[in-house]
Amino acid sequence: MSKDLFNINRIKSALDQYIGDKITSDFDLNKDLSPVKPKLRDAAVLIPIIIRPDGLNIILTKRSNNLQHHPGQIAFPGGKVDGLDNSLIDTALREAHEEIGLMQKNVEILGLLPKHETITNFKVTPVVGLVDSSYQPRIEPGEVEEIFEVPFTSITNSKNFQINYRVWGKHKRGYYSMPYGPYYIWGATARIMRMFCDILDEFNETK
């Protein structure tokens, strides 16, 4: 794929062109272990893209070790739907403000990715947004341990994704991962990144 893919117009074009209801899942690599689905709780995450002098970056967080769900993991800012949220976009923006101090007025929504179902019984809608370059990170210490950025080119190269295996509950389970420097991005976050990568590949083929 050509390097000129990595601009906002082409990202937005790919998201606009994508039409489908394909849902990804933490069980994508473990179909034989997929349980009967319980009632899933709606949630949303923001995939914050920011323009830097050397290109586009994605803002990620390292979650607090004190959280009930996915403690210590690398994640997009986000969380479950609140009764006052008018939409899943509202949920993603509210959570981003709470967790990393990102004001809604400083985000331009570029589009949505397909939903992702997690092993913790959430149905997550990823919302892709362009963040104003003036944004200054502010950590919510009860939820976030660290805020950092990853080059957008890292997640749009399918060769950077790995499939690893661990034993959970006496079963060997596969999961996606994408190591980056000292950070180990895996599970739902890596799966959503891979989904994003696949959509960009599909609608931005080099002519």
C-alpha atoms as a PDB file:
ATOM      1  CA  MET A   1       0.000   0.000   0.000  1.00  0.00           C
ATOM      2  CA  SER A   2       1.337   3.420  -0.876  1.00  0.00           C
ATOM      3  CA  LYS A   3       2.383   5.774   1.886  1.00  0.00           C
ATOM      4  CA  ASP A   4       0.014   8.484   0.646  1.00  0.00           C
ATOM      5  CA  LEU A   5      -2.817   6.441   2.142  1.00  0.00           C
ATOM      6  CA  PHE A   6      -2.183   8.041   5.472  1.00  0.00           C
ATOM      7  CA  ASN A   7      -4.166  11.236   5.198  1.00  0.00           C
ATOM      8  CA  ILE A   8      -7.489  12.159   6.710  1.00  0.00           C
ATOM      9  CA  ASN A   9      -9.439  12.394   3.450  1.00  0.00           C
ATOM     10  CA  ARG A  10      -8.598   8.851   2.428  1.00  0.00           C
ATOM     11  CA  ILE A  11      -9.378   7.497   5.892  1.00  0.00           C
ATOM     12  CA  LYS A  12     -12.766   9.224   5.845  1.00  0.00           C
ATOM     13  CA  SER A  13     -13.416   7.968   2.310  1.00  0.00           C
ATOM     14  CA  ALA A  14     -12.737   4.373   3.363  1.00  0.00           C
ATOM     15  CA  LEU A  15     -15.101   4.673   6.331  1.00  0.00           C
ATOM     16  CA  ASP A  16     -17.800   6.252   4.133  1.00  0.00           C
ATOM     17  CA  GLN A  17     -17.510   3.465   1.561  1.00  0.00           C
ATOM     18  CA  TYR A  18     -17.677   0.632   4.065  1.00  0.00           C
ATOM     19  CA  ILE A  19     -21.172  -0.815   4.219  1.00  0.00           C
ATOM     20  CA  GLY A  20     -21.785  -3.886   6.283  1.00  0.00           C
ATOM     21  CA  ASP A  21     -22.813  -5.336   9.588  1.00  0.00           C
ATOM     22  CA  LYS A  22     -19.835  -7.619  10.133  1.00  0.00           C
ATOM     23  CA  ILE A  23     -19.261  -7.908  13.876  1.00  0.00           C
ATOM     24  CA  THR A  24     -15.853  -8.920  15.179  1.00  0.00           C
ATOM     25  CA  SER A  25     -15.397 -10.758  18.448  1.00  0.00           C
ATOM     26  CA  ASP A  26     -12.828 -11.817  21.031  1.00  0.00           C
ATOM     27  CA  PHE A  27     -13.792 -15.329  19.926  1.00  0.00           C
ATOM     28  CA  ASP A  28     -12.902 -14.830  16.233  1.00  0.00           C
ATOM     29  CA  LEU A  29      -9.922 -17.151  16.613  1.00  0.00           C
ATOM     30  CA  ASN A  30     -11.748 -19.545  18.963  1.00  0.00           C
ATOM     31  CA  LYS A  31     -15.020 -20.476  17.307  1.00  0.00           C
ATOM     32  CA  ASP A  32     -15.165 -23.816  19.141  1.00  0.00           C
ATOM     33  CA  LEU A  33     -14.996 -22.041  22.507  1.00  0.00           C
ATOM     34  CA  SER A  34     -17.583 -19.342  21.763  1.00  0.00           C
ATOM     35  CA  PRO A  35     -20.307 -19.533  24.434  1.00  0.00           C
ATOM     36  CA  VAL A  36     -24.016 -18.941  24.055  1.00  0.00           C
ATOM     37  CA  LYS A  37     -24.265 -15.167  23.899  1.00  0.00           C
ATOM     38  CA  PRO A  38     -25.646 -13.468  26.996  1.00  0.00           C
ATOM     39  CA  LYS A  39     -27.259 -10.062  26.767  1.00  0.00           C
ATOM     40  CA  LEU A  40     -24.420  -7.758  25.751  1.00  0.00           C
ATOM     41  CA  ARG A  41     -24.028  -4.266  27.180  1.00  0.00           C
ATOM     42  CA  ASP A  42     -23.518  -1.428  24.699  1.00  0.00           C
ATOM     43  CA  ALA A  43     -20.246   0.463  24.877  1.00  0.00           C
ATOM     44  CA  ALA A  44     -18.168   2.722  22.652  1.00  0.00           C
ATOM     45  CA  VAL A  45     -14.532   3.691  22.271  1.00  0.00           C
ATOM     46  CA  LEU A  46     -12.916   6.616  20.510  1.00  0.00           C
ATOM     47  CA  ILE A  47     -10.070   5.968  18.071  1.00  0.00           C
ATOM     48  CA  PRO A  48      -8.405   9.405  18.363  1.00  0.00           C
ATOM     49  CA  ILE A  49      -6.236  10.324  15.373  1.00  0.00           C
ATOM     50  CA  ILE A  50      -3.995  13.360  15.714  1.00  0.00           C
ATOM     51  CA  ILE A  51      -1.811  15.076  13.111  1.00  0.00           C
ATOM     52  CA  ARG A  52       1.839  15.416  14.109  1.00  0.00           C
ATOM     53  CA  PRO A  53       4.760  16.930  12.121  1.00  0.00           C
ATOM     54  CA  ASP A  54       5.937  13.459  11.095  1.00  0.00           C
ATOM     55  CA  GLY A  55       2.477  12.106  10.227  1.00  0.00           C
ATOM     56  CA  LEU A  56      -0.676  10.756  11.829  1.00  0.00           C
ATOM     57  CA  ASN A  57      -0.697   9.182  15.282  1.00  0.00           C
ATOM     58  CA  ILE A  58      -3.318   7.297  17.282  1.00  0.00           C
ATOM     59  CA  ILE A  59      -3.762   8.144  20.961  1.00  0.00           C
ATOM     60  CA  LEU A  60      -3.930   5.152  23.300  1.00  0.00           C
ATOM     61  CA  THR A  61      -4.151   4.648  27.043  1.00  0.00           C
ATOM     62  CA  LYS A  62      -2.794   2.172  29.522  1.00  0.00           C
ATOM     63  CA  ARG A  63      -5.676   1.339  31.843  1.00  0.00           C
ATOM     64  CA  SER A  64      -5.364   1.481  35.612  1.00  0.00           C
ATOM     65  CA  ASN A  65      -4.628  -1.828  37.333  1.00  0.00           C
ATOM     66  CA  ASN A  66      -7.505  -1.074  39.727  1.00  0.00           C
ATOM     67  CA  LEU A  67     -10.258  -1.328  37.096  1.00  0.00           C
ATOM     68  CA  GLN A  68     -12.716  -4.228  37.071  1.00  0.00           C
ATOM     69  CA  HIS A  69     -12.584  -4.802  33.314  1.00  0.00           C
ATOM     70  CA  HIS A  70      -9.300  -5.187  31.382  1.00  0.00           C
ATOM     71  CA  PRO A  71      -7.022  -3.787  34.143  1.00  0.00           C
ATOM     72  CA  GLY A  72      -3.566  -2.701  32.999  1.00  0.00           C
ATOM     73  CA  GLN A  73      -4.313  -3.297  29.327  1.00  0.00           C
ATOM     74  CA  ILE A  74      -3.673  -0.962  26.403  1.00  0.00           C
ATOM     75  CA  ALA A  75      -6.968   0.506  25.242  1.00  0.00           C
ATOM     76  CA  PHE A  76      -8.751   3.263  23.381  1.00  0.00           C
ATOM     77  CA  PRO A  77     -10.550   5.736  25.659  1.00  0.00           C
ATOM     78  CA  GLY A  78     -14.121   4.540  26.090  1.00  0.00           C
ATOM     79  CA  GLY A  79     -16.652   2.712  28.205  1.00  0.00           C
ATOM     80  CA  LYS A  80     -20.243   1.588  28.609  1.00  0.00           C
ATOM     81  CA  VAL A  81     -23.260   3.628  27.570  1.00  0.00           C
ATOM     82  CA  ASP A  82     -24.633   6.034  30.154  1.00  0.00           C
ATOM     83  CA  GLY A  83     -28.364   6.672  30.443  1.00  0.00           C
ATOM     84  CA  LEU A  84     -27.797  10.325  29.525  1.00  0.00           C
ATOM     85  CA  ASP A  85     -25.914   9.558  26.286  1.00  0.00           C
ATOM     86  CA  ASN A  86     -27.933  10.355  23.160  1.00  0.00           C
ATOM     87  CA  SER A  87     -25.807   8.135  20.922  1.00  0.00           C
ATOM     88  CA  LEU A  88     -22.790   5.843  20.882  1.00  0.00           C
ATOM     89  CA  ILE A  89     -20.762   8.772  19.547  1.00  0.00           C
ATOM     90  CA  ASP A  90     -21.778  10.708  22.653  1.00  0.00           C
ATOM     91  CA  THR A  91     -20.594   7.782  24.785  1.00  0.00           C
ATOM     92  CA  ALA A  92     -17.184   7.676  23.109  1.00  0.00           C
ATOM     93  CA  LEU A  93     -16.698  11.452  23.397  1.00  0.00           C
ATOM     94  CA  ARG A  94     -17.883  11.597  27.015  1.00  0.00           C
ATOM     95  CA  GLU A  95     -15.538   8.799  28.042  1.00  0.00           C
ATOM     96  CA  ALA A  96     -12.619  10.388  26.175  1.00  0.00           C
ATOM     97  CA  HIS A  97     -13.236  13.631  28.059  1.00  0.00           C
ATOM     98  CA  GLU A  98     -13.402  11.816  31.388  1.00  0.00           C
ATOM     99  CA  GLU A  99     -10.359   9.613  30.818  1.00  0.00           C
ATOM    100  CA  ILE A 100      -7.900  11.779  28.873  1.00  0.00           C
ATOM    101  CA  GLY A 101      -9.311  15.325  29.092  1.00  0.00           C
ATOM    102  CA  LEU A 102     -10.304  15.530  25.421  1.00  0.00           C
ATOM    103  CA  MET A 103     -13.006  18.141  24.825  1.00  0.00           C
ATOM    104  CA  GLN A 104     -15.818  17.214  22.428  1.00  0.00           C
ATOM    105  CA  LYS A 105     -15.357  20.487  20.519  1.00  0.00           C
ATOM    106  CA  ASN A 106     -11.811  19.387  19.669  1.00  0.00           C
ATOM    107  CA  VAL A 107     -12.897  16.196  17.867  1.00  0.00           C
ATOM    108  CA  GLU A 108     -14.162  15.833  14.296  1.00  0.00           C
ATOM    109  CA  ILE A 109     -15.977  12.524  13.796  1.00  0.00           C
ATOM    110  CA  LEU A 110     -14.685  10.697  10.701  1.00  0.00           C
ATOM    111  CA  GLY A 111     -16.868   7.599  10.893  1.00  0.00           C
ATOM    112  CA  LEU A 112     -17.653   4.350  12.685  1.00  0.00           C
ATOM    113  CA  LEU A 113     -16.156   0.871  12.526  1.00  0.00           C
ATOM    114  CA  PRO A 114     -18.133  -2.388  12.847  1.00  0.00           C
ATOM    115  CA  LYS A 115     -19.076  -3.416  16.376  1.00  0.00           C
ATOM    116  CA  HIS A 116     -16.815  -5.663  18.425  1.00  0.00           C
ATOM    117  CA  GLU A 117     -18.057  -8.163  21.021  1.00  0.00           C
ATOM    118  CA  THR A 118     -15.788  -8.736  24.004  1.00  0.00           C
ATOM    119  CA  ILE A 119     -15.307 -11.719  26.257  1.00  0.00           C
ATOM    120  CA  THR A 120     -16.499  -9.472  29.117  1.00  0.00           C
ATOM    121  CA  ASN A 121     -19.955  -9.206  27.482  1.00  0.00           C
ATOM    122  CA  PHE A 122     -19.742  -5.756  25.907  1.00  0.00           C
ATOM    123  CA  LYS A 123     -20.768  -4.826  22.355  1.00  0.00           C
ATOM    124  CA  VAL A 124     -18.313  -2.046  21.512  1.00  0.00           C
ATOM    125  CA  THR A 125     -18.755   0.533  18.742  1.00  0.00           C
ATOM    126  CA  PRO A 126     -15.425   2.087  17.669  1.00  0.00           C
ATOM    127  CA  VAL A 127     -15.784   5.775  16.738  1.00  0.00           C
ATOM    128  CA  VAL A 128     -12.987   7.262  14.625  1.00  0.00           C
ATOM    129  CA  GLY A 129     -12.231  10.930  15.319  1.00  0.00           C
ATOM    130  CA  LEU A 130      -9.703  13.568  14.280  1.00  0.00           C
ATOM    131  CA  VAL A 131      -8.289  15.379  17.307  1.00  0.00           C
ATOM    132  CA  ASP A 132      -7.228  19.033  17.142  1.00  0.00           C
ATOM    133  CA  SER A 133      -3.437  19.253  17.379  1.00  0.00           C
ATOM    134  CA  SER A 134      -3.742  21.712  20.270  1.00  0.00           C
ATOM    135  CA  TYR A 135      -4.994  18.907  22.546  1.00  0.00           C
ATOM    136  CA  GLN A 136      -3.103  18.600  25.834  1.00  0.00           C
ATOM    137  CA  PRO A 137      -3.422  15.195  27.568  1.00  0.00           C
ATOM    138  CA  ARG A 138      -4.977  15.072  31.037  1.00  0.00           C
ATOM    139  CA  ILE A 139      -5.087  11.727  32.835  1.00  0.00           C
ATOM    140  CA  GLU A 140      -7.956  10.569  35.030  1.00  0.00           C
ATOM    141  CA  PRO A 141      -5.831   8.646  37.574  1.00  0.00           C
ATOM    142  CA  GLY A 142      -8.689   6.397  38.700  1.00  0.00           C
ATOM    143  CA  GLU A 143      -9.011   4.951  35.196  1.00  0.00           C
ATOM    144  CA  VAL A 144      -5.841   5.699  33.247  1.00  0.00           C
ATOM    145  CA  GLU A 145      -2.213   5.095  34.154  1.00  0.00           C
ATOM    146  CA  GLU A 146      -0.630   6.497  30.995  1.00  0.00           C
ATOM    147  CA  ILE A 147      -1.434   8.216  27.681  1.00  0.00           C
ATOM    148  CA  PHE A 148       0.808   7.602  24.671  1.00  0.00           C
ATOM    149  CA  GLU A 149       0.737   7.719  20.859  1.00  0.00           C
ATOM    150  CA  VAL A 150       1.368   5.141  18.138  1.00  0.00           C
ATOM    151  CA  PRO A 151       2.150   6.035  14.507  1.00  0.00           C
ATOM    152  CA  PHE A 152      -0.872   5.426  12.299  1.00  0.00           C
ATOM    153  CA  THR A 153       1.378   3.562   9.869  1.00  0.00           C
ATOM    154  CA  SER A 154       1.903   0.892  12.538  1.00  0.00           C
ATOM    155  CA  ILE A 155      -1.734  -0.174  12.594  1.00  0.00           C
ATOM    156  CA  THR A 156      -2.197  -0.017   8.835  1.00  0.00           C
ATOM    157  CA  ASN A 157       0.520  -2.589   8.179  1.00  0.00           C
ATOM    158  CA  SER A 158      -1.019  -6.044   8.566  1.00  0.00           C
ATOM    159  CA  LYS A 159       2.470  -7.535   9.024  1.00  0.00           C
ATOM    160  CA  ASN A 160       2.673  -5.851  12.436  1.00  0.00           C
ATOM    161  CA  PHE A 161      -0.162  -7.988  13.789  1.00  0.00           C
ATOM    162  CA  GLN A 162       0.514 -11.348  15.389  1.00  0.00           C
ATOM    163  CA  ILE A 163      -1.645 -14.224  16.548  1.00  0.00           C
ATOM    164  CA  ASN A 164      -0.631 -15.528  19.975  1.00  0.00           C
ATOM    165  CA  TYR A 165      -2.011 -18.180  22.279  1.00  0.00           C
ATOM    166  CA  ARG A 166      -2.621 -18.499  26.000  1.00  0.00           C
ATOM    167  CA  VAL A 167      -4.366 -21.024  28.197  1.00  0.00           C
ATOM    168  CA  TRP A 168      -7.508 -19.700  29.898  1.00  0.00           C
ATOM    169  CA  GLY A 169      -9.720 -22.028  31.912  1.00  0.00           C
ATOM    170  CA  LYS A 170      -7.826 -25.096  30.655  1.00  0.00           C
ATOM    171  CA  HIS A 171      -8.459 -24.088  27.021  1.00  0.00           C
ATOM    172  CA  LYS A 172      -5.896 -22.803  24.557  1.00  0.00           C
ATOM    173  CA  ARG A 173      -7.194 -19.553  23.066  1.00  0.00           C
ATOM    174  CA  GLY A 174      -5.838 -17.407  20.269  1.00  0.00           C
ATOM    175  CA  TYR A 175      -5.822 -13.616  20.217  1.00  0.00           C
ATOM    176  CA  TYR A 176      -4.441 -10.767  18.109  1.00  0.00           C
ATOM    177  CA  SER A 177      -1.535  -8.665  19.325  1.00  0.00           C
ATOM    178  CA  MET A 178       0.571  -5.778  18.046  1.00  0.00           C
ATOM    179  CA  PRO A 179       3.686  -5.048  20.118  1.00  0.00           C
ATOM    180  CA  TYR A 180       4.887  -1.449  19.938  1.00  0.00           C
ATOM    181  CA  GLY A 181       8.031  -0.442  21.821  1.00  0.00           C
ATOM    182  CA  PRO A 182       7.488  -1.191  25.518  1.00  0.00           C
ATOM    183  CA  TYR A 183       3.732  -1.620  24.993  1.00  0.00           C
ATOM    184  CA  TYR A 184       1.942  -4.901  24.362  1.00  0.00           C
ATOM    185  CA  ILE A 185      -1.302  -4.159  22.524  1.00  0.00           C
ATOM    186  CA  TRP A 186      -3.538  -7.199  22.467  1.00  0.00           C
ATOM    187  CA  GLY A 187      -7.077  -8.543  22.805  1.00  0.00           C
ATOM    188  CA  ALA A 188     -10.015  -6.338  21.835  1.00  0.00           C
ATOM    189  CA  THR A 189      -7.848  -3.278  21.090  1.00  0.00           C
ATOM    190  CA  ALA A 190      -5.588  -5.188  18.712  1.00  0.00           C
ATOM    191  CA  ARG A 191      -8.615  -6.862  17.076  1.00  0.00           C
ATOM    192  CA  ILE A 192     -10.287  -3.478  16.470  1.00  0.00           C
ATOM    193  CA  MET A 193      -7.021  -2.130  15.040  1.00  0.00           C
ATOM    194  CA  ARG A 194      -6.792  -5.104  12.697  1.00  0.00           C
ATOM    195  CA  MET A 195     -10.400  -4.514  11.605  1.00  0.00           C
ATOM    196  CA  PHE A 196      -9.533  -0.871  10.845  1.00  0.00           C
ATOM    197  CA  CYS A 197      -6.466  -2.011   8.896  1.00  0.00           C
ATOM    198  CA  ASP A 198      -8.566  -4.423   6.805  1.00  0.00           C
ATOM    199  CA  ILE A 199     -11.155  -1.749   5.931  1.00  0.00           C
ATOM    200  CA  LEU A 200      -8.441   0.705   4.888  1.00  0.00           C
ATOM    201  CA  ASP A 201      -6.826  -2.015   2.760  1.00  0.00           C
ATOM    202  CA  GLU A 202     -10.132  -2.849   1.081  1.00  0.00           C
ATOM    203  CA  PHE A 203     -11.019   0.705   0.084  1.00  0.00           C
ATOM    204  CA  ASN A 204      -7.593   2.225  -0.478  1.00  0.00           C
ATOM    205  CA  GLU A 205      -5.916  -0.201  -2.812  1.00  0.00           C
ATOM    206  CA  THR A 206      -2.957   1.239  -4.663  1.00  0.00           C
ATOM    207  CA  LYS A 207      -3.887   1.860  -8.275  1.00  0.00           C
END
